[in-house]
Amino acid sequence: MSTIPVRITEQERAEREARIERALASVRLEGLEPTDDGKAIFSRYIEGELTIDEMDDEIRALHAREFGSVHISGD
C-alpha cells in the first residue's frame, strides 16, 4: 500500500474518474454492483491515494476476504 501521498493533477483525477466510471458501467451491464468497500477503494484511486496496481491489489484482497481466494489463469 502506498505510504507517501502522491499529488495528481485535476486532469489525472478526471481521467482516473472516467476510467472507473467506464469499468463500473461494464460490470453493471452484467448486473453487478460493487460493495461500499469496493467503491471506497475506487475513490482512493481516483483521489491519487493509490496507484492502479495498488488498487488492483486491494480489490483482490477485498474479494478474497469476502468470497475466498480464487485462482484466475494468468495470475
N, C-alpha and C. Protein backbone atom coordinates (compact mmCIF):
# COMPACT_ATOMS: atom_id res chain seq x y z
N MET A 1 0.84 -1.16 0.00
CA MET A 1 0.00 0.00 0.00
C MET A 1 0.89 1.23 0.00
N SER A 2 0.43 2.27 -0.69
CA SER A 2 1.21 3.50 -0.79
C SER A 2 1.30 4.18 0.57
N THR A 3 2.51 4.57 0.95
CA THR A 3 2.69 5.25 2.22
C THR A 3 2.93 6.74 2.03
N ILE A 4 3.31 7.16 0.82
CA ILE A 4 3.57 8.56 0.53
C ILE A 4 2.48 9.05 -0.41
N PRO A 5 1.64 10.01 0.04
CA PRO A 5 0.60 10.51 -0.85
C PRO A 5 1.22 11.17 -2.09
N VAL A 6 0.63 10.92 -3.22
CA VAL A 6 1.09 11.49 -4.48
C VAL A 6 0.05 12.50 -4.94
N ARG A 7 0.53 13.72 -5.21
CA ARG A 7 -0.39 14.73 -5.71
C ARG A 7 -0.59 14.49 -7.20
N ILE A 8 -1.84 14.45 -7.61
CA ILE A 8 -2.13 14.29 -9.02
C ILE A 8 -2.81 15.56 -9.52
N THR A 9 -2.73 15.78 -10.80
CA THR A 9 -3.36 16.96 -11.40
C THR A 9 -4.86 16.74 -11.50
N GLU A 10 -5.57 17.81 -11.70
CA GLU A 10 -7.03 17.70 -11.91
C GLU A 10 -7.33 16.87 -13.16
N GLN A 11 -6.47 17.01 -14.17
CA GLN A 11 -6.66 16.22 -15.40
C GLN A 11 -6.49 14.74 -15.11
N GLU A 12 -5.45 14.38 -14.35
CA GLU A 12 -5.25 12.97 -13.99
C GLU A 12 -6.41 12.46 -13.15
N ARG A 13 -6.89 13.28 -12.23
CA ARG A 13 -8.03 12.88 -11.40
C ARG A 13 -9.24 12.60 -12.28
N ALA A 14 -9.50 13.50 -13.25
CA ALA A 14 -10.64 13.33 -14.15
C ALA A 14 -10.49 12.07 -15.00
N GLU A 15 -9.26 11.80 -15.45
CA GLU A 15 -9.01 10.59 -16.24
C GLU A 15 -9.24 9.33 -15.40
N ARG A 16 -8.78 9.37 -14.15
CA ARG A 16 -9.00 8.23 -13.26
C ARG A 16 -10.49 8.02 -13.00
N GLU A 17 -11.20 9.11 -12.77
CA GLU A 17 -12.64 9.00 -12.52
C GLU A 17 -13.36 8.43 -13.74
N ALA A 18 -12.98 8.89 -14.94
CA ALA A 18 -13.60 8.37 -16.16
C ALA A 18 -13.29 6.89 -16.34
N ARG A 19 -12.05 6.49 -16.02
CA ARG A 19 -11.64 5.09 -16.13
C ARG A 19 -12.51 4.21 -15.21
N ILE A 20 -12.71 4.68 -13.98
CA ILE A 20 -13.52 3.91 -13.03
C ILE A 20 -14.99 3.88 -13.48
N GLU A 21 -15.50 4.99 -13.96
CA GLU A 21 -16.90 5.02 -14.42
C GLU A 21 -17.11 4.06 -15.58
N ARG A 22 -16.15 3.97 -16.51
CA ARG A 22 -16.27 3.01 -17.63
C ARG A 22 -16.26 1.58 -17.10
N ALA A 23 -15.38 1.30 -16.13
CA ALA A 23 -15.31 -0.05 -15.56
C ALA A 23 -16.61 -0.40 -14.83
N LEU A 24 -17.14 0.56 -14.08
CA LEU A 24 -18.40 0.31 -13.35
C LEU A 24 -19.56 0.11 -14.32
N ALA A 25 -19.58 0.87 -15.40
CA ALA A 25 -20.64 0.70 -16.40
C ALA A 25 -20.60 -0.71 -16.97
N SER A 26 -19.39 -1.20 -17.20
CA SER A 26 -19.23 -2.54 -17.76
C SER A 26 -19.76 -3.61 -16.80
N VAL A 27 -19.38 -3.52 -15.53
CA VAL A 27 -19.85 -4.55 -14.59
C VAL A 27 -21.35 -4.42 -14.32
N ARG A 28 -21.85 -3.20 -14.38
CA ARG A 28 -23.30 -3.02 -14.18
C ARG A 28 -24.10 -3.62 -15.32
N LEU A 29 -23.53 -3.63 -16.54
CA LEU A 29 -24.19 -4.30 -17.66
C LEU A 29 -24.35 -5.79 -17.39
N GLU A 30 -23.45 -6.32 -16.56
CA GLU A 30 -23.51 -7.73 -16.17
C GLU A 30 -24.43 -7.95 -14.98
N GLY A 31 -25.05 -6.87 -14.50
CA GLY A 31 -25.97 -6.99 -13.38
C GLY A 31 -25.28 -6.96 -12.02
N LEU A 32 -24.03 -6.50 -11.98
CA LEU A 32 -23.26 -6.47 -10.74
C LEU A 32 -23.13 -5.04 -10.23
N GLU A 33 -22.93 -4.92 -8.93
CA GLU A 33 -22.72 -3.61 -8.30
C GLU A 33 -21.62 -3.78 -7.25
N PRO A 34 -20.61 -2.91 -7.26
CA PRO A 34 -19.56 -3.05 -6.25
C PRO A 34 -20.09 -2.75 -4.85
N THR A 35 -19.44 -3.34 -3.88
CA THR A 35 -19.82 -3.08 -2.48
C THR A 35 -19.34 -1.68 -2.08
N ASP A 36 -19.80 -1.23 -0.94
CA ASP A 36 -19.33 0.06 -0.43
C ASP A 36 -17.82 0.04 -0.21
N ASP A 37 -17.29 -1.09 0.26
CA ASP A 37 -15.84 -1.21 0.46
C ASP A 37 -15.10 -1.10 -0.88
N GLY A 38 -15.65 -1.72 -1.90
CA GLY A 38 -15.06 -1.63 -3.23
C GLY A 38 -15.09 -0.20 -3.74
N LYS A 39 -16.22 0.47 -3.57
CA LYS A 39 -16.35 1.86 -4.01
C LYS A 39 -15.35 2.76 -3.27
N ALA A 40 -15.10 2.46 -2.00
CA ALA A 40 -14.14 3.25 -1.22
C ALA A 40 -12.72 3.09 -1.80
N ILE A 41 -12.38 1.88 -2.23
CA ILE A 41 -11.08 1.65 -2.85
C ILE A 41 -10.98 2.42 -4.15
N PHE A 42 -12.03 2.39 -4.96
CA PHE A 42 -12.03 3.14 -6.22
C PHE A 42 -11.86 4.64 -5.96
N SER A 43 -12.52 5.14 -4.93
CA SER A 43 -12.40 6.56 -4.59
C SER A 43 -10.97 6.92 -4.20
N ARG A 44 -10.32 6.05 -3.46
CA ARG A 44 -8.93 6.30 -3.08
C ARG A 44 -8.03 6.35 -4.31
N TYR A 45 -8.31 5.52 -5.31
CA TYR A 45 -7.56 5.55 -6.56
C TYR A 45 -7.82 6.87 -7.30
N ILE A 46 -9.08 7.26 -7.41
CA ILE A 46 -9.44 8.50 -8.10
C ILE A 46 -8.74 9.69 -7.47
N GLU A 47 -8.67 9.71 -6.14
CA GLU A 47 -8.08 10.85 -5.43
C GLU A 47 -6.55 10.83 -5.41
N GLY A 48 -5.95 9.76 -5.95
CA GLY A 48 -4.50 9.71 -6.03
C GLY A 48 -3.83 9.04 -4.83
N GLU A 49 -4.62 8.45 -3.96
CA GLU A 49 -4.05 7.77 -2.79
C GLU A 49 -3.46 6.42 -3.14
N LEU A 50 -3.91 5.83 -4.24
CA LEU A 50 -3.44 4.53 -4.68
C LEU A 50 -3.04 4.59 -6.15
N THR A 51 -2.03 3.81 -6.52
CA THR A 51 -1.73 3.61 -7.94
C THR A 51 -2.72 2.59 -8.47
N ILE A 52 -2.72 2.39 -9.76
CA ILE A 52 -3.63 1.39 -10.32
C ILE A 52 -3.26 -0.01 -9.84
N ASP A 53 -1.95 -0.28 -9.68
CA ASP A 53 -1.53 -1.60 -9.17
C ASP A 53 -1.95 -1.80 -7.72
N GLU A 54 -1.83 -0.75 -6.92
CA GLU A 54 -2.26 -0.84 -5.51
C GLU A 54 -3.77 -1.03 -5.42
N MET A 55 -4.51 -0.33 -6.29
CA MET A 55 -5.96 -0.51 -6.31
C MET A 55 -6.30 -1.96 -6.65
N ASP A 56 -5.63 -2.50 -7.66
CA ASP A 56 -5.86 -3.89 -8.05
C ASP A 56 -5.58 -4.84 -6.90
N ASP A 57 -4.46 -4.62 -6.20
CA ASP A 57 -4.13 -5.47 -5.05
C ASP A 57 -5.20 -5.39 -3.96
N GLU A 58 -5.67 -4.17 -3.69
CA GLU A 58 -6.68 -4.00 -2.64
C GLU A 58 -8.02 -4.63 -3.03
N ILE A 59 -8.39 -4.50 -4.30
CA ILE A 59 -9.65 -5.11 -4.77
C ILE A 59 -9.54 -6.63 -4.68
N ARG A 60 -8.39 -7.20 -5.09
CA ARG A 60 -8.20 -8.65 -5.00
C ARG A 60 -8.25 -9.13 -3.54
N ALA A 61 -7.63 -8.36 -2.64
CA ALA A 61 -7.65 -8.73 -1.22
C ALA A 61 -9.07 -8.64 -0.66
N LEU A 62 -9.80 -7.61 -1.05
CA LEU A 62 -11.19 -7.47 -0.61
C LEU A 62 -12.01 -8.66 -1.11
N HIS A 63 -11.84 -9.01 -2.36
CA HIS A 63 -12.56 -10.14 -2.94
C HIS A 63 -12.24 -11.43 -2.18
N ALA A 64 -10.96 -11.62 -1.88
CA ALA A 64 -10.55 -12.83 -1.14
C ALA A 64 -11.19 -12.87 0.24
N ARG A 65 -11.25 -11.71 0.90
CA ARG A 65 -11.87 -11.66 2.24
C ARG A 65 -13.36 -11.96 2.15
N GLU A 66 -14.01 -11.44 1.13
CA GLU A 66 -15.46 -11.60 1.03
C GLU A 66 -15.89 -12.94 0.45
N PHE A 67 -15.11 -13.47 -0.50
CA PHE A 67 -15.55 -14.66 -1.22
C PHE A 67 -14.57 -15.82 -1.19
N GLY A 68 -13.43 -15.63 -0.55
CA GLY A 68 -12.40 -16.66 -0.57
C GLY A 68 -11.50 -16.46 -1.77
N SER A 69 -10.35 -17.07 -1.74
CA SER A 69 -9.41 -16.85 -2.81
C SER A 69 -9.82 -17.66 -4.04
N VAL A 70 -9.64 -17.03 -5.17
CA VAL A 70 -9.99 -17.64 -6.45
C VAL A 70 -8.79 -17.51 -7.36
N HIS A 71 -8.38 -18.60 -7.99
CA HIS A 71 -7.26 -18.53 -8.93
C HIS A 71 -7.80 -18.19 -10.32
N ILE A 72 -7.18 -17.18 -10.92
CA ILE A 72 -7.54 -16.79 -12.28
C ILE A 72 -6.31 -17.06 -13.13
N SER A 73 -6.48 -17.82 -14.22
CA SER A 73 -5.32 -18.15 -15.03
C SER A 73 -4.63 -16.89 -15.50
N GLY A 74 -3.32 -16.92 -15.52
CA GLY A 74 -2.53 -15.75 -15.89
C GLY A 74 -2.06 -14.97 -14.69
N ASP A 75 -2.57 -15.27 -13.51
CA ASP A 75 -2.13 -14.59 -12.27
C ASP A 75 -0.89 -15.24 -11.75
